[in-house]
């Protein structure tokens, strides 16, 4: 987004002055701004913050830290200067650029501006919602997710909105509404792709594949989601481990289906097994390049099973 491109590094360096230490520990450790982690991890002070959060903040402490941070952000957004910036925002890129210009003219180009506060408030609501979902407080979670999505939309933050949609999907699954969960995950995958977040796009497509793979009539859909993920991984750089992971899922899924068929006394589909064999061979190649040895082991086992079902007992051994 315009916001991210222009204020990425200064935000990371200056945000520590805006909320108390414990709040920041949880925010960074809890996954705050996943797209900024590579920058954060280059800073010694942020590395310590992440470690502290992962080791020491849990449950109620997380919620308390987030609520403290949210109070400070709410105070920031109630200032007169913030209201002027907010008046420029209409959910469009041009509105965001106008708001950013006002924010910078007010001297807020150091990561302490109104747009920073809105993004931070949206992140906090999202993390609180995930915490509420884990606790089974679904009504509270839904309210927080709705608030978070509205704020991300206000500043045209597609990645943030995608994360909210994915969290909505998790909430719907907890509510046993699989159809709504699938719609949310589909929407999240599209938004992640729009935001040019290949890893998040791939992960969400894999989630979709897993969601429908247990439905007997959705095998083709499950494979299609994985093929979409494979296409995204192929277009991005440094994704050998993801390609290996996806092709492992594709091949292993086909093998498991044919193994079930033979256990029911049905004939295996040799064409399907040969496709699985090709996918698993690609999996092994990419996994070795990425040094993903767990995937290599899992791929070897699935490939041996496929060759056994094909009657190739020597290669299977």
C-alpha atoms as a PDB file:
ATOM      1  CA  UNK A   1       0.000   0.000   0.000  1.00  0.00           C
ATOM      2  CA  UNK A   2       1.000   3.669  -0.237  1.00  0.00           C
ATOM      3  CA  UNK A   3       1.252   3.713   3.540  1.00  0.00           C
ATOM      4  CA  UNK A   4       3.585   0.737   3.732  1.00  0.00           C
ATOM      5  CA  UNK A   5       5.834   1.803   0.898  1.00  0.00           C
ATOM      6  CA  UNK A   6       6.505   5.280   2.275  1.00  0.00           C
ATOM      7  CA  UNK A   7       6.712   4.656   6.003  1.00  0.00           C
ATOM      8  CA  UNK A   8       7.951   1.113   6.532  1.00  0.00           C
ATOM      9  CA  UNK A   9      11.310   1.619   8.195  1.00  0.00           C
ATOM     10  CA  UNK A  10      10.603   4.811  10.154  1.00  0.00           C
ATOM     11  CA  UNK A  11       7.571   3.094  11.657  1.00  0.00           C
ATOM     12  CA  UNK A  12       9.690   0.245  12.973  1.00  0.00           C
ATOM     13  CA  UNK A  13      12.233   2.598  14.500  1.00  0.00           C
ATOM     14  CA  UNK A  14       9.822   5.041  16.107  1.00  0.00           C
ATOM     15  CA  UNK A  15       6.828   2.984  17.207  1.00  0.00           C
ATOM     16  CA  UNK A  16       8.509   2.086  20.511  1.00  0.00           C
ATOM     17  CA  UNK A  17       7.712   5.586  21.793  1.00  0.00           C
ATOM     18  CA  UNK A  18       3.952   5.211  21.296  1.00  0.00           C
ATOM     19  CA  UNK A  19       2.873   2.358  23.574  1.00  0.00           C
ATOM     20  CA  UNK A  20       4.240   0.810  26.728  1.00  0.00           C
ATOM     21  CA  UNK A  21       6.925  -1.878  26.585  1.00  0.00           C
ATOM     22  CA  UNK A  22       4.691  -4.835  27.419  1.00  0.00           C
ATOM     23  CA  UNK A  23       2.161  -3.817  24.770  1.00  0.00           C
ATOM     24  CA  UNK A  24       4.854  -3.688  22.127  1.00  0.00           C
ATOM     25  CA  UNK A  25       6.275  -7.006  23.241  1.00  0.00           C
ATOM     26  CA  UNK A  26       2.974  -8.692  22.544  1.00  0.00           C
ATOM     27  CA  UNK A  27       2.247  -6.757  19.364  1.00  0.00           C
ATOM     28  CA  UNK A  28       5.510  -7.671  17.682  1.00  0.00           C
ATOM     29  CA  UNK A  29       5.653 -11.188  19.109  1.00  0.00           C
ATOM     30  CA  UNK A  30       1.993 -11.841  18.284  1.00  0.00           C
ATOM     31  CA  UNK A  31       2.475 -11.361  14.590  1.00  0.00           C
ATOM     32  CA  UNK A  32       2.008  -7.596  14.307  1.00  0.00           C
ATOM     33  CA  UNK A  33       2.640  -6.474  10.741  1.00  0.00           C
ATOM     34  CA  UNK A  34       3.917  -9.768   9.430  1.00  0.00           C
ATOM     35  CA  UNK A  35       5.208  -7.972   6.353  1.00  0.00           C
ATOM     36  CA  UNK A  36       7.525  -5.864   8.543  1.00  0.00           C
ATOM     37  CA  UNK A  37       9.193  -8.688  10.420  1.00  0.00           C
ATOM     38  CA  UNK A  38      12.216  -8.795   8.126  1.00  0.00           C
ATOM     39  CA  UNK A  39      12.904  -5.160   9.011  1.00  0.00           C
ATOM     40  CA  UNK A  40      12.165  -5.669  12.693  1.00  0.00           C
ATOM     41  CA  UNK A  41      14.501  -8.609  12.994  1.00  0.00           C
ATOM     42  CA  UNK A  42      17.426  -6.489  11.742  1.00  0.00           C
ATOM     43  CA  UNK A  43      17.091  -4.292  14.824  1.00  0.00           C
ATOM     44  CA  UNK A  44      18.566  -5.638  18.060  1.00  0.00           C
ATOM     45  CA  UNK A  45      15.992  -3.944  20.257  1.00  0.00           C
ATOM     46  CA  UNK A  46      13.111  -5.454  18.270  1.00  0.00           C
ATOM     47  CA  UNK A  47      14.642  -8.917  18.413  1.00  0.00           C
ATOM     48  CA  UNK A  48      14.628  -8.655  22.201  1.00  0.00           C
ATOM     49  CA  UNK A  49      10.997  -7.505  22.113  1.00  0.00           C
ATOM     50  CA  UNK A  50       9.957 -10.500  20.015  1.00  0.00           C
ATOM     51  CA  UNK A  51      11.797 -12.933  22.304  1.00  0.00           C
ATOM     52  CA  UNK A  52      10.256 -11.411  25.434  1.00  0.00           C
ATOM     53  CA  UNK A  53       6.757 -11.625  23.976  1.00  0.00           C
ATOM     54  CA  UNK A  54       7.076 -15.214  22.838  1.00  0.00           C
ATOM     55  CA  UNK A  55       8.422 -16.362  26.202  1.00  0.00           C
ATOM     56  CA  UNK A  56       6.504 -14.322  28.765  1.00  0.00           C
ATOM     57  CA  UNK A  57       3.158 -12.955  27.562  1.00  0.00           C
ATOM     58  CA  UNK A  58       0.166 -15.306  27.403  1.00  0.00           C
ATOM     59  CA  UNK A  59      -3.615 -15.295  27.821  1.00  0.00           C
ATOM     60  CA  UNK A  60      -4.888 -12.458  29.987  1.00  0.00           C
ATOM     61  CA  UNK A  61      -1.501 -10.697  29.912  1.00  0.00           C
ATOM     62  CA  UNK A  62      -1.763 -10.498  26.124  1.00  0.00           C
ATOM     63  CA  UNK A  63      -5.247  -9.001  26.287  1.00  0.00           C
ATOM     64  CA  UNK A  64      -4.216  -6.498  28.957  1.00  0.00           C
ATOM     65  CA  UNK A  65      -1.186  -5.408  26.942  1.00  0.00           C
ATOM     66  CA  UNK A  66      -3.306  -4.934  23.836  1.00  0.00           C
ATOM     67  CA  UNK A  67      -6.021  -3.023  25.685  1.00  0.00           C
ATOM     68  CA  UNK A  68      -3.391  -0.654  27.115  1.00  0.00           C
ATOM     69  CA  UNK A  69      -2.059  -0.020  23.625  1.00  0.00           C
ATOM     70  CA  UNK A  70      -5.555   0.476  22.236  1.00  0.00           C
ATOM     71  CA  UNK A  71      -6.324   3.186  24.816  1.00  0.00           C
ATOM     72  CA  UNK A  72      -3.257   5.148  23.733  1.00  0.00           C
ATOM     73  CA  UNK A  73      -4.176   4.811  20.064  1.00  0.00           C
ATOM     74  CA  UNK A  74      -7.768   5.908  20.722  1.00  0.00           C
ATOM     75  CA  UNK A  75      -6.436   9.005  22.452  1.00  0.00           C
ATOM     76  CA  UNK A  76      -4.231   9.759  19.462  1.00  0.00           C
ATOM     77  CA  UNK A  77      -7.166   9.475  17.042  1.00  0.00           C
ATOM     78  CA  UNK A  78      -9.304  11.867  19.088  1.00  0.00           C
ATOM     79  CA  UNK A  79      -6.902  14.785  18.572  1.00  0.00           C
ATOM     80  CA  UNK A  80      -8.003  17.635  16.291  1.00  0.00           C
ATOM     81  CA  UNK A  81      -5.102  17.068  13.881  1.00  0.00           C
ATOM     82  CA  UNK A  82      -6.139  13.432  13.541  1.00  0.00           C
ATOM     83  CA  UNK A  83      -9.708  14.406  12.724  1.00  0.00           C
ATOM     84  CA  UNK A  84      -8.475  16.487   9.778  1.00  0.00           C
ATOM     85  CA  UNK A  85      -6.573  13.511   8.405  1.00  0.00           C
ATOM     86  CA  UNK A  86      -9.549  11.211   8.970  1.00  0.00           C
ATOM     87  CA  UNK A  87     -11.782  13.577   7.001  1.00  0.00           C
ATOM     88  CA  UNK A  88      -9.629  12.957   3.902  1.00  0.00           C
ATOM     89  CA  UNK A  89     -10.008   9.188   4.041  1.00  0.00           C
ATOM     90  CA  UNK A  90     -12.732   7.719   1.846  1.00  0.00           C
ATOM     91  CA  UNK A  91     -11.349   4.234   1.201  1.00  0.00           C
ATOM     92  CA  UNK A  92      -9.636   5.224  -2.066  1.00  0.00           C
ATOM     93  CA  UNK A  93      -5.941   5.495  -2.912  1.00  0.00           C
ATOM     94  CA  UNK A  94      -6.336   9.184  -3.773  1.00  0.00           C
ATOM     95  CA  UNK A  95      -7.970   9.813  -0.402  1.00  0.00           C
ATOM     96  CA  UNK A  96      -5.172   7.953   1.332  1.00  0.00           C
ATOM     97  CA  UNK A  97      -2.530  10.006  -0.504  1.00  0.00           C
ATOM     98  CA  UNK A  98      -4.289  13.249   0.486  1.00  0.00           C
ATOM     99  CA  UNK A  99      -4.470  12.121   4.105  1.00  0.00           C
ATOM    100  CA  UNK A 100      -0.812  11.069   4.067  1.00  0.00           C
ATOM    101  CA  UNK A 101       0.189  14.481   2.715  1.00  0.00           C
ATOM    102  CA  UNK A 102      -1.680  16.255   5.524  1.00  0.00           C
ATOM    103  CA  UNK A 103      -0.187  13.883   8.071  1.00  0.00           C
ATOM    104  CA  UNK A 104       3.353  14.561   6.854  1.00  0.00           C
ATOM    105  CA  UNK A 105       2.776  18.319   6.663  1.00  0.00           C
ATOM    106  CA  UNK A 106       1.834  18.161  10.335  1.00  0.00           C
ATOM    107  CA  UNK A 107       5.264  16.709  11.039  1.00  0.00           C
ATOM    108  CA  UNK A 108       3.996  13.147  11.467  1.00  0.00           C
ATOM    109  CA  UNK A 109       6.451  11.421   9.158  1.00  0.00           C
ATOM    110  CA  UNK A 110       8.275   9.581  11.946  1.00  0.00           C
ATOM    111  CA  UNK A 111       5.861   6.731  12.484  1.00  0.00           C
ATOM    112  CA  UNK A 112       3.685   8.600  14.987  1.00  0.00           C
ATOM    113  CA  UNK A 113       1.026   9.931  12.612  1.00  0.00           C
ATOM    114  CA  UNK A 114      -2.690   9.365  12.308  1.00  0.00           C
ATOM    115  CA  UNK A 115      -2.384   6.750   9.546  1.00  0.00           C
ATOM    116  CA  UNK A 116       0.088   4.813  11.674  1.00  0.00           C
ATOM    117  CA  UNK A 117      -2.402   4.933  14.524  1.00  0.00           C
ATOM    118  CA  UNK A 118      -5.261   3.638  12.364  1.00  0.00           C
ATOM    119  CA  UNK A 119      -3.213   0.700  11.094  1.00  0.00           C
ATOM    120  CA  UNK A 120      -2.031  -0.066  14.610  1.00  0.00           C
ATOM    121  CA  UNK A 121      -5.583   0.115  15.990  1.00  0.00           C
ATOM    122  CA  UNK A 122      -6.761  -2.284  13.283  1.00  0.00           C
ATOM    123  CA  UNK A 123      -3.935  -4.704  14.097  1.00  0.00           C
ATOM    124  CA  UNK A 124      -4.789  -4.591  17.789  1.00  0.00           C
ATOM    125  CA  UNK A 125      -8.483  -5.281  17.131  1.00  0.00           C
ATOM    126  CA  UNK A 126      -7.492  -8.210  14.916  1.00  0.00           C
ATOM    127  CA  UNK A 127      -5.264  -9.758  17.564  1.00  0.00           C
ATOM    128  CA  UNK A 128      -7.854  -9.230  20.279  1.00  0.00           C
ATOM    129  CA  UNK A 129     -10.431 -10.910  18.018  1.00  0.00           C
ATOM    130  CA  UNK A 130      -8.174 -13.924  17.513  1.00  0.00           C
ATOM    131  CA  UNK A 131      -7.770 -14.156  21.277  1.00  0.00           C
ATOM    132  CA  UNK A 132     -11.555 -13.987  21.746  1.00  0.00           C
ATOM    133  CA  UNK A 133     -12.039 -16.716  19.128  1.00  0.00           C
ATOM    134  CA  UNK A 134      -9.616 -18.972  20.990  1.00  0.00           C
ATOM    135  CA  UNK A 135     -11.621 -18.386  24.170  1.00  0.00           C
ATOM    136  CA  UNK A 136     -14.919 -19.184  22.450  1.00  0.00           C
ATOM    137  CA  UNK A 137     -16.195 -15.610  22.789  1.00  0.00           C
ATOM    138  CA  UNK A 138     -17.516 -15.504  19.236  1.00  0.00           C
ATOM    139  CA  UNK A 139     -19.759 -12.435  19.490  1.00  0.00           C
ATOM    140  CA  UNK A 140     -16.919 -10.301  20.848  1.00  0.00           C
ATOM    141  CA  UNK A 141     -14.561 -11.693  18.200  1.00  0.00           C
ATOM    142  CA  UNK A 142     -16.982 -10.818  15.390  1.00  0.00           C
ATOM    143  CA  UNK A 143     -17.375  -7.249  16.652  1.00  0.00           C
ATOM    144  CA  UNK A 144     -13.607  -6.753  16.843  1.00  0.00           C
ATOM    145  CA  UNK A 145     -13.030  -8.266  13.383  1.00  0.00           C
ATOM    146  CA  UNK A 146     -15.688  -5.991  11.880  1.00  0.00           C
ATOM    147  CA  UNK A 147     -13.965  -2.985  13.461  1.00  0.00           C
ATOM    148  CA  UNK A 148     -10.535  -4.102  12.282  1.00  0.00           C
ATOM    149  CA  UNK A 149     -11.718  -4.643   8.708  1.00  0.00           C
ATOM    150  CA  UNK A 150     -13.363  -1.199   8.571  1.00  0.00           C
ATOM    151  CA  UNK A 151     -10.137   0.471   9.708  1.00  0.00           C
ATOM    152  CA  UNK A 152      -7.950  -1.418   7.241  1.00  0.00           C
ATOM    153  CA  UNK A 153     -10.378  -0.520   4.455  1.00  0.00           C
ATOM    154  CA  UNK A 154     -10.225   3.124   5.461  1.00  0.00           C
ATOM    155  CA  UNK A 155      -6.506   3.241   4.716  1.00  0.00           C
ATOM    156  CA  UNK A 156      -6.680   0.886   1.693  1.00  0.00           C
ATOM    157  CA  UNK A 157      -4.609  -1.777   3.459  1.00  0.00           C
ATOM    158  CA  UNK A 158      -5.376  -4.881   1.388  1.00  0.00           C
ATOM    159  CA  UNK A 159      -3.018  -7.128   3.319  1.00  0.00           C
ATOM    160  CA  UNK A 160      -4.587  -6.132   6.620  1.00  0.00           C
ATOM    161  CA  UNK A 161      -8.084  -6.750   5.270  1.00  0.00           C
ATOM    162  CA  UNK A 162      -6.971 -10.147   3.974  1.00  0.00           C
ATOM    163  CA  UNK A 163      -5.749 -11.113   7.440  1.00  0.00           C
ATOM    164  CA  UNK A 164      -9.109 -10.102   8.879  1.00  0.00           C
ATOM    165  CA  UNK A 165     -10.956 -12.207   6.296  1.00  0.00           C
ATOM    166  CA  UNK A 166      -8.773 -15.187   7.163  1.00  0.00           C
ATOM    167  CA  UNK A 167      -9.515 -14.658  10.854  1.00  0.00           C
ATOM    168  CA  UNK A 168     -13.224 -14.505   9.981  1.00  0.00           C
ATOM    169  CA  UNK A 169     -12.777 -17.880   8.274  1.00  0.00           C
ATOM    170  CA  UNK A 170     -11.254 -19.362  11.418  1.00  0.00           C
ATOM    171  CA  UNK A 171     -14.134 -17.937  13.458  1.00  0.00           C
ATOM    172  CA  UNK A 172     -16.722 -19.469  11.118  1.00  0.00           C
ATOM    173  CA  UNK A 173     -14.997 -22.841  11.397  1.00  0.00           C
ATOM    174  CA  UNK A 174     -15.212 -22.612  15.180  1.00  0.00           C
ATOM    175  CA  UNK A 175     -18.919 -21.926  14.692  1.00  0.00           C
ATOM    176  CA  UNK A 176     -19.130 -25.016  12.432  1.00  0.00           C
ATOM    177  CA  UNK A 177     -20.189 -22.918   9.419  1.00  0.00           C
ATOM    178  CA  UNK A 178     -17.932 -24.495   6.796  1.00  0.00           C
ATOM    179  CA  UNK A 179     -19.597 -22.826   3.819  1.00  0.00           C
ATOM    180  CA  UNK A 180     -19.068 -19.318   5.243  1.00  0.00           C
ATOM    181  CA  UNK A 181     -15.524 -20.234   6.269  1.00  0.00           C
ATOM    182  CA  UNK A 182     -14.716 -21.223   2.693  1.00  0.00           C
ATOM    183  CA  UNK A 183     -16.066 -17.897   1.386  1.00  0.00           C
ATOM    184  CA  UNK A 184     -13.910 -16.007   3.880  1.00  0.00           C
ATOM    185  CA  UNK A 185     -10.765 -17.960   2.975  1.00  0.00           C
ATOM    186  CA  UNK A 186     -11.432 -17.445  -0.742  1.00  0.00           C
ATOM    187  CA  UNK A 187     -11.797 -13.707  -0.160  1.00  0.00           C
ATOM    188  CA  UNK A 188      -8.616 -13.643   1.904  1.00  0.00           C
ATOM    189  CA  UNK A 189      -6.620 -15.432  -0.813  1.00  0.00           C
ATOM    190  CA  UNK A 190      -7.766 -12.903  -3.425  1.00  0.00           C
ATOM    191  CA  UNK A 191      -6.910  -9.962  -1.172  1.00  0.00           C
ATOM    192  CA  UNK A 192      -3.473 -11.373  -0.353  1.00  0.00           C
ATOM    193  CA  UNK A 193      -2.821 -11.768  -4.080  1.00  0.00           C
ATOM    194  CA  UNK A 194      -3.922  -8.167  -4.705  1.00  0.00           C
ATOM    195  CA  UNK A 195      -1.562  -7.032  -1.942  1.00  0.00           C
ATOM    196  CA  UNK A 196       1.313  -8.988  -3.567  1.00  0.00           C
ATOM    197  CA  UNK A 197       1.796 -11.300  -0.576  1.00  0.00           C
ATOM    198  CA  UNK A 198       2.680 -14.630  -2.232  1.00  0.00           C
ATOM    199  CA  UNK A 199       3.456 -16.571   0.940  1.00  0.00           C
ATOM    200  CA  UNK A 200       0.187 -15.565   2.594  1.00  0.00           C
ATOM    201  CA  UNK A 201      -1.697 -16.296  -0.635  1.00  0.00           C
ATOM    202  CA  UNK A 202      -0.173 -19.769  -0.800  1.00  0.00           C
ATOM    203  CA  UNK A 203      -0.839 -20.534   2.863  1.00  0.00           C
ATOM    204  CA  UNK A 204      -4.483 -19.499   2.506  1.00  0.00           C
ATOM    205  CA  UNK A 205      -4.965 -21.618  -0.630  1.00  0.00           C
ATOM    206  CA  UNK A 206      -3.462 -24.592   1.208  1.00  0.00           C
ATOM    207  CA  UNK A 207      -5.945 -23.956   4.035  1.00  0.00           C
ATOM    208  CA  UNK A 208      -8.764 -24.001   1.490  1.00  0.00           C
ATOM    209  CA  UNK A 209      -7.515 -27.283   0.045  1.00  0.00           C
ATOM    210  CA  UNK A 210      -7.362 -28.836   3.505  1.00  0.00           C
ATOM    211  CA  UNK A 211     -10.843 -27.545   4.290  1.00  0.00           C
ATOM    212  CA  UNK A 212     -12.501 -29.303   1.343  1.00  0.00           C
ATOM    213  CA  UNK A 213     -10.223 -32.353   1.077  1.00  0.00           C
ATOM    214  CA  UNK A 214     -12.269 -34.309   3.614  1.00  0.00           C
ATOM    215  CA  UNK A 215     -15.423 -33.918   1.493  1.00  0.00           C
ATOM    216  CA  UNK A 216     -15.733 -36.868  -0.929  1.00  0.00           C
ATOM    217  CA  UNK A 217     -17.233 -34.718  -3.698  1.00  0.00           C
ATOM    218  CA  UNK A 218     -14.610 -31.945  -3.428  1.00  0.00           C
ATOM    219  CA  UNK A 219     -11.414 -33.810  -4.370  1.00  0.00           C
ATOM    220  CA  UNK A 220     -11.078 -31.899  -7.662  1.00  0.00           C
ATOM    221  CA  UNK A 221     -11.599 -28.580  -5.854  1.00  0.00           C
ATOM    222  CA  UNK A 222      -8.975 -29.521  -3.278  1.00  0.00           C
ATOM    223  CA  UNK A 223      -6.447 -30.216  -6.042  1.00  0.00           C
ATOM    224  CA  UNK A 224      -7.389 -27.001  -7.855  1.00  0.00           C
ATOM    225  CA  UNK A 225      -6.614 -24.898  -4.783  1.00  0.00           C
ATOM    226  CA  UNK A 226      -3.211 -26.564  -4.570  1.00  0.00           C
ATOM    227  CA  UNK A 227      -2.575 -25.960  -8.279  1.00  0.00           C
ATOM    228  CA  UNK A 228      -3.396 -22.272  -7.754  1.00  0.00           C
ATOM    229  CA  UNK A 229      -0.938 -22.195  -4.845  1.00  0.00           C
ATOM    230  CA  UNK A 230       1.678 -23.893  -7.035  1.00  0.00           C
ATOM    231  CA  UNK A 231       1.195 -21.253  -9.727  1.00  0.00           C
ATOM    232  CA  UNK A 232       1.703 -18.450  -7.199  1.00  0.00           C
ATOM    233  CA  UNK A 233       4.829 -20.141  -5.835  1.00  0.00           C
ATOM    234  CA  UNK A 234       6.199 -20.622  -9.342  1.00  0.00           C
ATOM    235  CA  UNK A 235       5.849 -16.908 -10.087  1.00  0.00           C
ATOM    236  CA  UNK A 236       7.676 -15.864  -6.882  1.00  0.00           C
ATOM    237  CA  UNK A 237      11.383 -16.156  -6.113  1.00  0.00           C
ATOM    238  CA  UNK A 238      12.889 -18.301  -3.368  1.00  0.00           C
ATOM    239  CA  UNK A 239       9.826 -20.508  -3.048  1.00  0.00           C
ATOM    240  CA  UNK A 240      11.408 -23.953  -3.501  1.00  0.00           C
ATOM    241  CA  UNK A 241      10.302 -25.100  -0.054  1.00  0.00           C
ATOM    242  CA  UNK A 242       6.731 -24.001  -0.785  1.00  0.00           C
ATOM    243  CA  UNK A 243       6.733 -25.767  -4.153  1.00  0.00           C
ATOM    244  CA  UNK A 244       7.952 -28.899  -2.364  1.00  0.00           C
ATOM    245  CA  UNK A 245       5.252 -28.576   0.300  1.00  0.00           C
ATOM    246  CA  UNK A 246       2.472 -28.088  -2.265  1.00  0.00           C
ATOM    247  CA  UNK A 247       3.544 -30.917  -4.575  1.00  0.00           C
ATOM    248  CA  UNK A 248       3.858 -33.202  -1.547  1.00  0.00           C
ATOM    249  CA  UNK A 249       0.261 -32.417  -0.595  1.00  0.00           C
ATOM    250  CA  UNK A 250      -0.919 -32.952  -4.160  1.00  0.00           C
ATOM    251  CA  UNK A 251       0.867 -36.270  -4.638  1.00  0.00           C
ATOM    252  CA  UNK A 252       0.130 -37.624  -1.156  1.00  0.00           C
ATOM    253  CA  UNK A 253      -3.533 -36.701  -1.525  1.00  0.00           C
ATOM    254  CA  UNK A 254      -3.818 -38.649  -4.783  1.00  0.00           C
ATOM    255  CA  UNK A 255      -1.978 -41.640  -3.326  1.00  0.00           C
ATOM    256  CA  UNK A 256      -4.188 -41.712  -0.218  1.00  0.00           C
ATOM    257  CA  UNK A 257      -7.293 -41.648  -2.402  1.00  0.00           C
ATOM    258  CA  UNK A 258      -6.087 -44.591  -4.492  1.00  0.00           C
ATOM    259  CA  UNK A 259      -4.982 -46.501  -1.409  1.00  0.00           C
ATOM    260  CA  UNK A 260      -8.475 -46.118   0.048  1.00  0.00           C
ATOM    261  CA  UNK A 261      -9.938 -47.410  -3.220  1.00  0.00           C
ATOM    262  CA  UNK A 262      -7.806 -50.558  -3.175  1.00  0.00           C
ATOM    263  CA  UNK A 263      -8.697 -51.206   0.458  1.00  0.00           C
ATOM    264  CA  UNK A 264     -12.361 -51.142  -0.595  1.00  0.00           C
ATOM    265  CA  UNK A 265     -11.589 -53.781  -3.212  1.00  0.00           C
ATOM    266  CA  UNK A 266     -11.669 -51.342  -6.147  1.00  0.00           C
ATOM    267  CA  UNK A 267      -9.046 -51.051  -8.873  1.00  0.00           C
ATOM    268  CA  UNK A 268      -6.510 -48.250  -8.577  1.00  0.00           C
ATOM    269  CA  UNK A 269      -6.500 -45.569 -11.282  1.00  0.00           C
ATOM    270  CA  UNK A 270      -3.066 -45.910 -12.843  1.00  0.00           C
ATOM    271  CA  UNK A 271      -3.214 -42.541 -14.591  1.00  0.00           C
ATOM    272  CA  UNK A 272      -3.892 -40.859 -11.251  1.00  0.00           C
ATOM    273  CA  UNK A 273      -1.015 -42.722  -9.621  1.00  0.00           C
ATOM    274  CA  UNK A 274       1.356 -41.750 -12.430  1.00  0.00           C
ATOM    275  CA  UNK A 275       0.359 -38.109 -11.947  1.00  0.00           C
ATOM    276  CA  UNK A 276       1.054 -38.490  -8.221  1.00  0.00           C
ATOM    277  CA  UNK A 277       4.434 -40.043  -9.030  1.00  0.00           C
ATOM    278  CA  UNK A 278       5.379 -37.030 -11.182  1.00  0.00           C
ATOM    279  CA  UNK A 279       4.253 -34.601  -8.466  1.00  0.00           C
ATOM    280  CA  UNK A 280       6.186 -36.416  -5.771  1.00  0.00           C
ATOM    281  CA  UNK A 281       9.351 -36.569  -7.881  1.00  0.00           C
ATOM    282  CA  UNK A 282       9.101 -32.770  -8.295  1.00  0.00           C
ATOM    283  CA  UNK A 283       8.506 -32.507  -4.566  1.00  0.00           C
ATOM    284  CA  UNK A 284      11.718 -34.426  -3.833  1.00  0.00           C
ATOM    285  CA  UNK A 285      13.773 -32.288  -6.232  1.00  0.00           C
ATOM    286  CA  UNK A 286      12.551 -28.994  -4.774  1.00  0.00           C
ATOM    287  CA  UNK A 287      12.806 -30.202  -1.185  1.00  0.00           C
ATOM    288  CA  UNK A 288      16.447 -31.212  -1.650  1.00  0.00           C
ATOM    289  CA  UNK A 289      17.272 -27.809  -3.158  1.00  0.00           C
ATOM    290  CA  UNK A 290      15.558 -26.097  -0.209  1.00  0.00           C
ATOM    291  CA  UNK A 291      17.109 -28.593   2.239  1.00  0.00           C
ATOM    292  CA  UNK A 292      13.635 -29.329   3.569  1.00  0.00           C
ATOM    293  CA  UNK A 293      14.527 -32.754   4.885  1.00  0.00           C
ATOM    294  CA  UNK A 294      11.213 -33.482   6.597  1.00  0.00           C
ATOM    295  CA  UNK A 295       9.472 -32.979   3.254  1.00  0.00           C
ATOM    296  CA  UNK A 296      12.068 -35.241   1.629  1.00  0.00           C
ATOM    297  CA  UNK A 297      11.223 -38.004   4.112  1.00  0.00           C
ATOM    298  CA  UNK A 298       7.450 -37.590   3.732  1.00  0.00           C
ATOM    299  CA  UNK A 299       7.791 -37.416  -0.042  1.00  0.00           C
ATOM    300  CA  UNK A 300       9.871 -40.612  -0.124  1.00  0.00           C
ATOM    301  CA  UNK A 301       7.221 -42.498   1.823  1.00  0.00           C
ATOM    302  CA  UNK A 302       4.375 -41.267  -0.411  1.00  0.00           C
ATOM    303  CA  UNK A 303       6.380 -42.004  -3.560  1.00  0.00           C
ATOM    304  CA  UNK A 304       7.135 -45.546  -2.370  1.00  0.00           C
ATOM    305  CA  UNK A 305       3.426 -46.109  -1.724  1.00  0.00           C
ATOM    306  CA  UNK A 306       2.525 -44.822  -5.198  1.00  0.00           C
ATOM    307  CA  UNK A 307       5.059 -47.142  -6.856  1.00  0.00           C
ATOM    308  CA  UNK A 308       3.852 -50.094  -4.810  1.00  0.00           C
ATOM    309  CA  UNK A 309       0.286 -49.443  -6.007  1.00  0.00           C
ATOM    310  CA  UNK A 310       1.624 -49.231  -9.569  1.00  0.00           C
ATOM    311  CA  UNK A 311       3.222 -52.658  -9.113  1.00  0.00           C
ATOM    312  CA  UNK A 312       6.753 -51.231  -9.237  1.00  0.00           C
ATOM    313  CA  UNK A 313       7.938 -53.123  -6.161  1.00  0.00           C
ATOM    314  CA  UNK A 314      11.657 -52.734  -6.753  1.00  0.00           C
ATOM    315  CA  UNK A 315      11.589 -48.907  -7.056  1.00  0.00           C
ATOM    316  CA  UNK A 316       9.093 -48.795  -4.164  1.00  0.00           C
ATOM    317  CA  UNK A 317      11.636 -50.484  -1.873  1.00  0.00           C
END
